[in-house]
Amino acid sequence: MNKIAGVLIAIGAGVAIGAALGVLYAPDEGAETRKRIVKRSKKLMGAIDDTMDEGRESLEEIRVELQKQLQKVNRKIEEVKN
């Protein structure tokens, strides 16, 4: 999970930096440029939040399935012991 989160953060940071640089070099006025940076940053953060939520849901589903499988294994071990 930590590796996945790190990769997502690195990708998000790279996209944000690239977007900011692209906007900074655009031929707009400073105030308009800052508005565009803020707008794009908010949109990017929303996308990152959505992706993280989906990742958490997937991990929870995997955790639940692994727990079920572990319970089955434990039952089989108990059967073999008896």
PDB file of N, CA and C in Angstrom:
ATOM      1  N   MET A   1       0.824  -1.187   0.000  1.00  0.00           N
ATOM      2  CA  MET A   1       0.000   0.000   0.000  1.00  0.00           C
ATOM      3  C   MET A   1       0.864   1.244   0.000  1.00  0.00           C
ATOM      4  N   ASN A   2       1.931   1.267   0.802  1.00  0.00           N
ATOM      5  CA  ASN A   2       2.791   2.431   0.859  1.00  0.00           C
ATOM      6  C   ASN A   2       3.448   2.715  -0.480  1.00  0.00           C
ATOM      7  N   LYS A   3       3.848   1.660  -1.197  1.00  0.00           N
ATOM      8  CA  LYS A   3       4.465   1.849  -2.498  1.00  0.00           C
ATOM      9  C   LYS A   3       3.460   2.428  -3.488  1.00  0.00           C
ATOM     10  N   ILE A   4       2.229   1.916  -3.452  1.00  0.00           N
ATOM     11  CA  ILE A   4       1.194   2.413  -4.353  1.00  0.00           C
ATOM     12  C   ILE A   4       0.906   3.875  -4.062  1.00  0.00           C
ATOM     13  N   ALA A   5       0.750   4.214  -2.813  1.00  0.00           N
ATOM     14  CA  ALA A   5       0.481   5.598  -2.436  1.00  0.00           C
ATOM     15  C   ALA A   5       1.630   6.493  -2.865  1.00  0.00           C
ATOM     16  N   GLY A   6       2.862   6.037  -2.683  1.00  0.00           N
ATOM     17  CA  GLY A   6       4.022   6.825  -3.086  1.00  0.00           C
ATOM     18  C   GLY A   6       4.055   7.073  -4.578  1.00  0.00           C
ATOM     19  N   VAL A   7       3.738   6.052  -5.341  1.00  0.00           N
ATOM     20  CA  VAL A   7       3.720   6.199  -6.795  1.00  0.00           C
ATOM     21  C   VAL A   7       2.625   7.171  -7.210  1.00  0.00           C
ATOM     22  N   LEU A   8       1.443   7.038  -6.627  1.00  0.00           N
ATOM     23  CA  LEU A   8       0.352   7.950  -6.967  1.00  0.00           C
ATOM     24  C   LEU A   8       0.688   9.388  -6.607  1.00  0.00           C
ATOM     25  N   ILE A   9       1.319   9.587  -5.468  1.00  0.00           N
ATOM     26  CA  ILE A   9       1.706  10.935  -5.063  1.00  0.00           C
ATOM     27  C   ILE A   9       2.752  11.492  -6.028  1.00  0.00           C
ATOM     28  N   ALA A  10       3.725  10.672  -6.405  1.00  0.00           N
ATOM     29  CA  ALA A  10       4.760  11.126  -7.335  1.00  0.00           C
ATOM     30  C   ALA A  10       4.166  11.482  -8.693  1.00  0.00           C
ATOM     31  N   ILE A  11       3.253  10.663  -9.176  1.00  0.00           N
ATOM     32  CA  ILE A  11       2.600  10.948 -10.454  1.00  0.00           C
ATOM     33  C   ILE A  11       1.799  12.235 -10.353  1.00  0.00           C
ATOM     34  N   GLY A  12       1.031  12.369  -9.270  1.00  0.00           N
ATOM     35  CA  GLY A  12       0.232  13.579  -9.083  1.00  0.00           C
ATOM     36  C   GLY A  12       1.099  14.817  -8.993  1.00  0.00           C
ATOM     37  N   ALA A  13       2.214  14.718  -8.279  1.00  0.00           N
ATOM     38  CA  ALA A  13       3.117  15.862  -8.156  1.00  0.00           C
ATOM     39  C   ALA A  13       3.716  16.217  -9.517  1.00  0.00           C
ATOM     40  N   GLY A  14       4.086  15.216 -10.280  1.00  0.00           N
ATOM     41  CA  GLY A  14       4.636  15.470 -11.610  1.00  0.00           C
ATOM     42  C   GLY A  14       3.640  16.140 -12.531  1.00  0.00           C
ATOM     43  N   VAL A  15       2.411  15.664 -12.484  1.00  0.00           N
ATOM     44  CA  VAL A  15       1.363  16.269 -13.307  1.00  0.00           C
ATOM     45  C   VAL A  15       1.105  17.709 -12.866  1.00  0.00           C
ATOM     46  N   ALA A  16       1.050  17.931 -11.562  1.00  0.00           N
ATOM     47  CA  ALA A  16       0.798  19.279 -11.047  1.00  0.00           C
ATOM     48  C   ALA A  16       1.918  20.229 -11.443  1.00  0.00           C
ATOM     49  N   ILE A  17       3.159  19.788 -11.306  1.00  0.00           N
ATOM     50  CA  ILE A  17       4.294  20.640 -11.676  1.00  0.00           C
ATOM     51  C   ILE A  17       4.274  20.931 -13.174  1.00  0.00           C
ATOM     52  N   GLY A  18       4.020  19.914 -13.963  1.00  0.00           N
ATOM     53  CA  GLY A  18       3.940  20.114 -15.412  1.00  0.00           C
ATOM     54  C   GLY A  18       2.836  21.075 -15.809  1.00  0.00           C
ATOM     55  N   ALA A  19       1.666  20.914 -15.172  1.00  0.00           N
ATOM     56  CA  ALA A  19       0.547  21.805 -15.470  1.00  0.00           C
ATOM     57  C   ALA A  19       0.869  23.234 -15.054  1.00  0.00           C
ATOM     58  N   ALA A  20       1.477  23.376 -13.870  1.00  0.00           N
ATOM     59  CA  ALA A  20       1.828  24.715 -13.389  1.00  0.00           C
ATOM     60  C   ALA A  20       2.833  25.379 -14.315  1.00  0.00           C
ATOM     61  N   LEU A  21       3.847  24.636 -14.744  1.00  0.00           N
ATOM     62  CA  LEU A  21       4.834  25.210 -15.657  1.00  0.00           C
ATOM     63  C   LEU A  21       4.206  25.584 -17.003  1.00  0.00           C
ATOM     64  N   GLY A  22       3.325  24.730 -17.476  1.00  0.00           N
ATOM     65  CA  GLY A  22       2.649  25.023 -18.734  1.00  0.00           C
ATOM     66  C   GLY A  22       1.817  26.286 -18.651  1.00  0.00           C
ATOM     67  N   VAL A  23       1.131  26.451 -17.546  1.00  0.00           N
ATOM     68  CA  VAL A  23       0.303  27.640 -17.364  1.00  0.00           C
ATOM     69  C   VAL A  23       1.175  28.879 -17.178  1.00  0.00           C
ATOM     70  N   LEU A  24       2.280  28.735 -16.455  1.00  0.00           N
ATOM     71  CA  LEU A  24       3.167  29.873 -16.214  1.00  0.00           C
ATOM     72  C   LEU A  24       3.773  30.415 -17.506  1.00  0.00           C
ATOM     73  N   TYR A  25       4.028  29.541 -18.449  1.00  0.00           N
ATOM     74  CA  TYR A  25       4.612  29.976 -19.710  1.00  0.00           C
ATOM     75  C   TYR A  25       3.564  30.387 -20.743  1.00  0.00           C
ATOM     76  N   ALA A  26       2.310  30.319 -20.387  1.00  0.00           N
ATOM     77  CA  ALA A  26       1.242  30.745 -21.288  1.00  0.00           C
ATOM     78  C   ALA A  26       1.232  32.273 -21.353  1.00  0.00           C
ATOM     79  N   PRO A  27       0.768  32.822 -22.457  1.00  0.00           N
ATOM     80  CA  PRO A  27       0.801  34.283 -22.636  1.00  0.00           C
ATOM     81  C   PRO A  27      -0.355  35.031 -21.961  1.00  0.00           C
ATOM     82  N   ASP A  28      -0.790  34.587 -20.790  1.00  0.00           N
ATOM     83  CA  ASP A  28      -1.866  35.271 -20.071  1.00  0.00           C
ATOM     84  C   ASP A  28      -1.291  36.218 -19.026  1.00  0.00           C
ATOM     85  N   GLU A  29      -2.170  37.069 -18.482  1.00  0.00           N
ATOM     86  CA  GLU A  29      -1.767  37.954 -17.394  1.00  0.00           C
ATOM     87  C   GLU A  29      -1.547  37.138 -16.126  1.00  0.00           C
ATOM     88  N   GLY A  30      -0.813  37.709 -15.165  1.00  0.00           N
ATOM     89  CA  GLY A  30      -0.494  37.016 -13.913  1.00  0.00           C
ATOM     90  C   GLY A  30      -1.725  36.568 -13.144  1.00  0.00           C
ATOM     91  N   ALA A  31      -2.717  37.450 -13.014  1.00  0.00           N
ATOM     92  CA  ALA A  31      -3.926  37.115 -12.251  1.00  0.00           C
ATOM     93  C   ALA A  31      -4.664  35.959 -12.911  1.00  0.00           C
ATOM     94  N   GLU A  32      -4.752  36.008 -14.219  1.00  0.00           N
ATOM     95  CA  GLU A  32      -5.444  34.934 -14.945  1.00  0.00           C
ATOM     96  C   GLU A  32      -4.660  33.626 -14.825  1.00  0.00           C
ATOM     97  N   THR A  33      -3.359  33.721 -14.894  1.00  0.00           N
ATOM     98  CA  THR A  33      -2.511  32.535 -14.757  1.00  0.00           C
ATOM     99  C   THR A  33      -2.693  31.902 -13.392  1.00  0.00           C
ATOM    100  N   ARG A  34      -2.705  32.724 -12.343  1.00  0.00           N
ATOM    101  CA  ARG A  34      -2.888  32.188 -10.991  1.00  0.00           C
ATOM    102  C   ARG A  34      -4.252  31.531 -10.840  1.00  0.00           C
ATOM    103  N   LYS A  35      -5.280  32.112 -11.415  1.00  0.00           N
ATOM    104  CA  LYS A  35      -6.619  31.511 -11.362  1.00  0.00           C
ATOM    105  C   LYS A  35      -6.605  30.141 -12.046  1.00  0.00           C
ATOM    106  N   ARG A  36      -5.946  30.060 -13.187  1.00  0.00           N
ATOM    107  CA  ARG A  36      -5.895  28.801 -13.920  1.00  0.00           C
ATOM    108  C   ARG A  36      -5.119  27.739 -13.134  1.00  0.00           C
ATOM    109  N   ILE A  37      -4.030  28.168 -12.483  1.00  0.00           N
ATOM    110  CA  ILE A  37      -3.250  27.224 -11.674  1.00  0.00           C
ATOM    111  C   ILE A  37      -4.097  26.674 -10.541  1.00  0.00           C
ATOM    112  N   VAL A  38      -4.810  27.562  -9.858  1.00  0.00           N
ATOM    113  CA  VAL A  38      -5.662  27.134  -8.741  1.00  0.00           C
ATOM    114  C   VAL A  38      -6.755  26.192  -9.239  1.00  0.00           C
ATOM    115  N   LYS A  39      -7.390  26.549 -10.340  1.00  0.00           N
ATOM    116  CA  LYS A  39      -8.466  25.720 -10.880  1.00  0.00           C
ATOM    117  C   LYS A  39      -7.962  24.335 -11.272  1.00  0.00           C
ATOM    118  N   ARG A  40      -6.836  24.292 -11.954  1.00  0.00           N
ATOM    119  CA  ARG A  40      -6.283  22.997 -12.378  1.00  0.00           C
ATOM    120  C   ARG A  40      -5.797  22.187 -11.181  1.00  0.00           C
ATOM    121  N   SER A  41      -5.241  22.868 -10.199  1.00  0.00           N
ATOM    122  CA  SER A  41      -4.772  22.162  -8.997  1.00  0.00           C
ATOM    123  C   SER A  41      -5.940  21.520  -8.256  1.00  0.00           C
ATOM    124  N   LYS A  42      -7.040  22.249  -8.131  1.00  0.00           N
ATOM    125  CA  LYS A  42      -8.225  21.697  -7.461  1.00  0.00           C
ATOM    126  C   LYS A  42      -8.762  20.493  -8.235  1.00  0.00           C
ATOM    127  N   LYS A  43      -8.784  20.603  -9.550  1.00  0.00           N
ATOM    128  CA  LYS A  43      -9.269  19.498 -10.376  1.00  0.00           C
ATOM    129  C   LYS A  43      -8.367  18.285 -10.216  1.00  0.00           C
ATOM    130  N   LEU A  44      -7.066  18.516 -10.210  1.00  0.00           N
ATOM    131  CA  LEU A  44      -6.115  17.429 -10.045  1.00  0.00           C
ATOM    132  C   LEU A  44      -6.262  16.779  -8.675  1.00  0.00           C
ATOM    133  N   MET A  45      -6.399  17.576  -7.636  1.00  0.00           N
ATOM    134  CA  MET A  45      -6.564  17.027  -6.288  1.00  0.00           C
ATOM    135  C   MET A  45      -7.842  16.202  -6.193  1.00  0.00           C
ATOM    136  N   GLY A  46      -8.895  16.642  -6.846  1.00  0.00           N
ATOM    137  CA  GLY A  46     -10.131  15.860  -6.870  1.00  0.00           C
ATOM    138  C   GLY A  46      -9.921  14.513  -7.542  1.00  0.00           C
ATOM    139  N   ALA A  47      -9.178  14.519  -8.647  1.00  0.00           N
ATOM    140  CA  ALA A  47      -8.896  13.274  -9.358  1.00  0.00           C
ATOM    141  C   ALA A  47      -8.033  12.351  -8.498  1.00  0.00           C
ATOM    142  N   ILE A  48      -7.060  12.919  -7.809  1.00  0.00           N
ATOM    143  CA  ILE A  48      -6.204  12.115  -6.935  1.00  0.00           C
ATOM    144  C   ILE A  48      -7.024  11.525  -5.795  1.00  0.00           C
ATOM    145  N   ASP A  49      -7.900  12.332  -5.195  1.00  0.00           N
ATOM    146  CA  ASP A  49      -8.762  11.836  -4.118  1.00  0.00           C
ATOM    147  C   ASP A  49      -9.633  10.679  -4.602  1.00  0.00           C
ATOM    148  N   ASP A  50     -10.205  10.837  -5.795  1.00  0.00           N
ATOM    149  CA  ASP A  50     -11.044   9.771  -6.354  1.00  0.00           C
ATOM    150  C   ASP A  50     -10.238   8.489  -6.559  1.00  0.00           C
ATOM    151  N   THR A  51      -9.028   8.636  -7.100  1.00  0.00           N
ATOM    152  CA  THR A  51      -8.176   7.480  -7.340  1.00  0.00           C
ATOM    153  C   THR A  51      -7.791   6.798  -6.034  1.00  0.00           C
ATOM    154  N   MET A  52      -7.458   7.596  -5.027  1.00  0.00           N
ATOM    155  CA  MET A  52      -7.102   7.034  -3.719  1.00  0.00           C
ATOM    156  C   MET A  52      -8.297   6.313  -3.099  1.00  0.00           C
ATOM    157  N   ASP A  53      -9.498   6.881  -3.231  1.00  0.00           N
ATOM    158  CA  ASP A  53     -10.700   6.225  -2.709  1.00  0.00           C
ATOM    159  C   ASP A  53     -10.927   4.877  -3.388  1.00  0.00           C
ATOM    160  N   GLU A  54     -10.756   4.852  -4.706  1.00  0.00           N
ATOM    161  CA  GLU A  54     -10.917   3.593  -5.436  1.00  0.00           C
ATOM    162  C   GLU A  54      -9.879   2.574  -4.982  1.00  0.00           C
ATOM    163  N   GLY A  55      -8.656   3.040  -4.775  1.00  0.00           N
ATOM    164  CA  GLY A  55      -7.596   2.146  -4.306  1.00  0.00           C
ATOM    165  C   GLY A  55      -7.907   1.586  -2.931  1.00  0.00           C
ATOM    166  N   ARG A  56      -8.416   2.441  -2.047  1.00  0.00           N
ATOM    167  CA  ARG A  56      -8.778   1.980  -0.700  1.00  0.00           C
ATOM    168  C   ARG A  56      -9.882   0.935  -0.763  1.00  0.00           C
ATOM    169  N   GLU A  57     -10.877   1.171  -1.618  1.00  0.00           N
ATOM    170  CA  GLU A  57     -11.973   0.211  -1.759  1.00  0.00           C
ATOM    171  C   GLU A  57     -11.448  -1.129  -2.273  1.00  0.00           C
ATOM    172  N   SER A  58     -10.563  -1.078  -3.260  1.00  0.00           N
ATOM    173  CA  SER A  58      -9.998  -2.315  -3.801  1.00  0.00           C
ATOM    174  C   SER A  58      -9.195  -3.057  -2.740  1.00  0.00           C
ATOM    175  N   LEU A  59      -8.405  -2.324  -1.986  1.00  0.00           N
ATOM    176  CA  LEU A  59      -7.620  -2.957  -0.930  1.00  0.00           C
ATOM    177  C   LEU A  59      -8.512  -3.563   0.143  1.00  0.00           C
ATOM    178  N   GLU A  60      -9.602  -2.901   0.451  1.00  0.00           N
ATOM    179  CA  GLU A  60     -10.531  -3.443   1.452  1.00  0.00           C
ATOM    180  C   GLU A  60     -11.160  -4.739   0.943  1.00  0.00           C
ATOM    181  N   GLU A  61     -11.534  -4.777  -0.333  1.00  0.00           N
ATOM    182  CA  GLU A  61     -12.095  -5.995  -0.908  1.00  0.00           C
ATOM    183  C   GLU A  61     -11.069  -7.134  -0.857  1.00  0.00           C
ATOM    184  N   ILE A  62      -9.832  -6.828  -1.168  1.00  0.00           N
ATOM    185  CA  ILE A  62      -8.769  -7.832  -1.116  1.00  0.00           C
ATOM    186  C   ILE A  62      -8.573  -8.312   0.311  1.00  0.00           C
ATOM    187  N   ARG A  63      -8.577  -7.392   1.269  1.00  0.00           N
ATOM    188  CA  ARG A  63      -8.402  -7.752   2.680  1.00  0.00           C
ATOM    189  C   ARG A  63      -9.505  -8.692   3.143  1.00  0.00           C
ATOM    190  N   VAL A  64     -10.735  -8.378   2.780  1.00  0.00           N
ATOM    191  CA  VAL A  64     -11.873  -9.211   3.179  1.00  0.00           C
ATOM    192  C   VAL A  64     -11.737 -10.606   2.563  1.00  0.00           C
ATOM    193  N   GLU A  65     -11.375 -10.677   1.298  1.00  0.00           N
ATOM    194  CA  GLU A  65     -11.229 -11.975   0.637  1.00  0.00           C
ATOM    195  C   GLU A  65     -10.088 -12.779   1.261  1.00  0.00           C
ATOM    196  N   LEU A  66      -8.981 -12.121   1.546  1.00  0.00           N
ATOM    197  CA  LEU A  66      -7.871 -12.822   2.199  1.00  0.00           C
ATOM    198  C   LEU A  66      -8.257 -13.332   3.580  1.00  0.00           C
ATOM    199  N   GLN A  67      -9.039 -12.552   4.288  1.00  0.00           N
ATOM    200  CA  GLN A  67      -9.492 -12.970   5.617  1.00  0.00           C
ATOM    201  C   GLN A  67     -10.381 -14.217   5.511  1.00  0.00           C
ATOM    202  N   LYS A  68     -11.256 -14.240   4.515  1.00  0.00           N
ATOM    203  CA  LYS A  68     -12.108 -15.410   4.302  1.00  0.00           C
ATOM    204  C   LYS A  68     -11.256 -16.646   3.981  1.00  0.00           C
ATOM    205  N   GLN A  69     -10.268 -16.468   3.118  1.00  0.00           N
ATOM    206  CA  GLN A  69      -9.406 -17.586   2.750  1.00  0.00           C
ATOM    207  C   GLN A  69      -8.598 -18.076   3.952  1.00  0.00           C
ATOM    208  N   LEU A  70      -8.140 -17.171   4.781  1.00  0.00           N
ATOM    209  CA  LEU A  70      -7.402 -17.550   5.980  1.00  0.00           C
ATOM    210  C   LEU A  70      -8.288 -18.344   6.940  1.00  0.00           C
ATOM    211  N   GLN A  71      -9.542 -17.942   7.058  1.00  0.00           N
ATOM    212  CA  GLN A  71     -10.471 -18.682   7.912  1.00  0.00           C
ATOM    213  C   GLN A  71     -10.675 -20.100   7.382  1.00  0.00           C
ATOM    214  N   LYS A  72     -10.766 -20.241   6.059  1.00  0.00           N
ATOM    215  CA  LYS A  72     -10.905 -21.580   5.470  1.00  0.00           C
ATOM    216  C   LYS A  72      -9.681 -22.430   5.773  1.00  0.00           C
ATOM    217  N   VAL A  73      -8.510 -21.845   5.630  1.00  0.00           N
ATOM    218  CA  VAL A  73      -7.273 -22.575   5.910  1.00  0.00           C
ATOM    219  C   VAL A  73      -7.231 -22.995   7.370  1.00  0.00           C
ATOM    220  N   ASN A  74      -7.593 -22.099   8.258  1.00  0.00           N
ATOM    221  CA  ASN A  74      -7.598 -22.419   9.691  1.00  0.00           C
ATOM    222  C   ASN A  74      -8.571 -23.550  10.007  1.00  0.00           C
ATOM    223  N   ARG A  75      -9.743 -23.548   9.355  1.00  0.00           N
ATOM    224  CA  ARG A  75     -10.703 -24.636   9.566  1.00  0.00           C
ATOM    225  C   ARG A  75     -10.132 -25.962   9.079  1.00  0.00           C
ATOM    226  N   LYS A  76      -9.470 -25.946   7.939  1.00  0.00           N
ATOM    227  CA  LYS A  76      -8.865 -27.172   7.401  1.00  0.00           C
ATOM    228  C   LYS A  76      -7.780 -27.679   8.356  1.00  0.00           C
ATOM    229  N   ILE A  77      -6.990 -26.778   8.895  1.00  0.00           N
ATOM    230  CA  ILE A  77      -5.948 -27.170   9.848  1.00  0.00           C
ATOM    231  C   ILE A  77      -6.589 -27.818  11.078  1.00  0.00           C
ATOM    232  N   GLU A  78      -7.659 -27.243  11.573  1.00  0.00           N
ATOM    233  CA  GLU A  78      -8.345 -27.809  12.739  1.00  0.00           C
ATOM    234  C   GLU A  78      -8.917 -29.181  12.418  1.00  0.00           C
ATOM    235  N   GLU A  79      -9.451 -29.362  11.195  1.00  0.00           N
ATOM    236  CA  GLU A  79      -9.980 -30.664  10.786  1.00  0.00           C
ATOM    237  C   GLU A  79      -8.878 -31.717  10.757  1.00  0.00           C
ATOM    238  N   VAL A  80      -7.721 -31.330  10.263  1.00  0.00           N
ATOM    239  CA  VAL A  80      -6.612 -32.267  10.171  1.00  0.00           C
ATOM    240  C   VAL A  80      -6.109 -32.629  11.565  1.00  0.00           C
ATOM    241  N   LYS A  81      -6.100 -31.694  12.472  1.00  0.00           N
ATOM    242  CA  LYS A  81      -5.660 -31.955  13.842  1.00  0.00           C
ATOM    243  C   LYS A  81      -6.577 -32.956  14.525  1.00  0.00           C
ATOM    244  N   ASN A  82      -7.862 -32.877  14.249  1.00  0.00           N
ATOM    245  CA  ASN A  82      -8.836 -33.753  14.927  1.00  0.00           C
ATOM    246  C   ASN A  82      -8.924 -35.027  14.199  1.00  0.00           C
TER     247      ASN A  82
END
